[in-house]
Amino acid sequence: MTNQHWCEIKSSKQAGILCRDAVFAHWLLARHPGECDVANIVRKICHVDSRIELDTDTIAAERWHALEETYRQDVGMMAEQRG
């Protein structure tokens, strides 16, 4: 297995990895009370039936990357942009 940078990993795989991450799951479930399936929340947010669609649907991929960016900002994993 080669070491890939996060941005080189397909969106569907990124989503799969983060959906199994406890911190991401806690963050996402806290934002969606009453839901219990992290992968299902991601599919709903991205408007797809399967995360694999994130690799072919550019609008869905944009939704995924926006969600991921919000998560990383909220948990302090991304530096704030300064103008």
Protein backbone atom coordinates (compact mmCIF):
# COMPACT_ATOMS: atom_id res chain seq x y z
CA MET A 1 0.00 0.00 0.00
CA THR A 2 1.34 3.41 -0.90
CA ASN A 3 1.02 6.48 1.26
CA GLN A 4 -1.34 8.85 -0.48
CA HIS A 5 -2.07 12.42 0.43
CA TRP A 6 -5.67 12.90 1.51
CA CYS A 7 -6.46 14.97 -1.60
CA GLU A 8 -5.31 12.07 -3.82
CA ILE A 9 -7.85 9.67 -2.32
CA LYS A 10 -11.18 9.33 -4.14
CA SER A 11 -14.06 11.15 -2.48
CA SER A 12 -15.98 7.92 -1.89
CA LYS A 13 -13.03 6.44 0.00
CA GLN A 14 -12.54 9.66 1.99
CA ALA A 15 -16.20 9.49 3.01
CA GLY A 16 -15.85 5.83 3.97
CA ILE A 17 -12.79 6.55 6.09
CA LEU A 18 -14.38 9.49 7.89
CA CYS A 19 -17.68 7.68 8.42
CA ARG A 20 -15.73 5.12 10.47
CA ASP A 21 -13.88 7.82 12.41
CA ALA A 22 -15.26 8.27 15.94
CA VAL A 23 -14.63 12.03 16.08
CA PHE A 24 -16.31 12.64 12.72
CA ALA A 25 -19.23 10.40 13.69
CA HIS A 26 -19.72 12.22 17.00
CA TRP A 27 -19.55 15.61 15.26
CA LEU A 28 -22.00 14.64 12.51
CA LEU A 29 -24.47 12.90 14.82
CA ALA A 30 -24.48 15.95 17.12
CA ARG A 31 -25.49 18.08 14.13
CA HIS A 32 -28.27 15.65 13.13
CA PRO A 33 -30.24 14.72 16.27
CA GLY A 34 -32.38 11.63 15.90
CA GLU A 35 -30.14 10.13 13.23
CA CYS A 36 -27.94 7.16 14.07
CA ASP A 37 -26.30 6.14 10.76
CA VAL A 38 -23.36 8.34 9.85
CA ALA A 39 -23.07 6.99 6.29
CA ASN A 40 -26.78 7.62 5.72
CA ILE A 41 -26.41 11.23 6.88
CA VAL A 42 -23.52 11.73 4.45
CA ARG A 43 -25.58 10.25 1.60
CA LYS A 44 -28.49 12.55 2.44
CA ILE A 45 -26.29 15.66 2.64
CA CYS A 46 -24.60 14.81 -0.65
CA HIS A 47 -27.88 13.76 -2.34
CA VAL A 48 -26.62 10.32 -3.39
CA ASP A 49 -27.83 6.76 -2.92
CA SER A 50 -24.28 5.45 -2.58
CA ARG A 51 -21.02 7.12 -1.57
CA ILE A 52 -19.42 5.74 -4.77
CA GLU A 53 -21.42 8.40 -6.62
CA LEU A 54 -19.13 11.00 -5.02
CA ASP A 55 -16.51 9.91 -7.56
CA THR A 56 -18.66 10.66 -10.62
CA ASP A 57 -21.15 13.34 -9.57
CA THR A 58 -19.25 16.62 -9.32
CA ILE A 59 -22.02 18.42 -7.43
CA ALA A 60 -22.22 15.61 -4.89
CA ALA A 61 -18.42 15.70 -4.55
CA GLU A 62 -18.58 19.45 -3.92
CA ARG A 63 -21.16 18.82 -1.18
CA TRP A 64 -18.89 16.18 0.34
CA HIS A 65 -15.86 18.48 0.32
CA ALA A 66 -17.90 21.32 1.85
CA LEU A 67 -19.06 18.97 4.62
CA GLU A 68 -15.53 17.75 5.23
CA GLU A 69 -14.19 21.33 5.31
CA THR A 70 -16.85 22.39 7.82
CA TYR A 71 -15.99 19.39 10.00
CA ARG A 72 -12.26 20.11 9.90
CA GLN A 73 -12.85 23.79 10.74
CA ASP A 74 -15.24 22.94 13.59
CA VAL A 75 -12.84 20.49 15.23
CA GLY A 76 -9.77 22.68 14.67
CA MET A 77 -8.11 20.51 12.05
CA MET A 78 -7.97 23.28 9.44
CA ALA A 79 -6.37 26.66 9.74
CA GLU A 80 -8.73 29.57 9.35
CA GLN A 81 -8.35 31.53 6.16
CA ARG A 82 -7.31 35.09 6.73
CA GLY A 83 -8.01 37.90 4.33
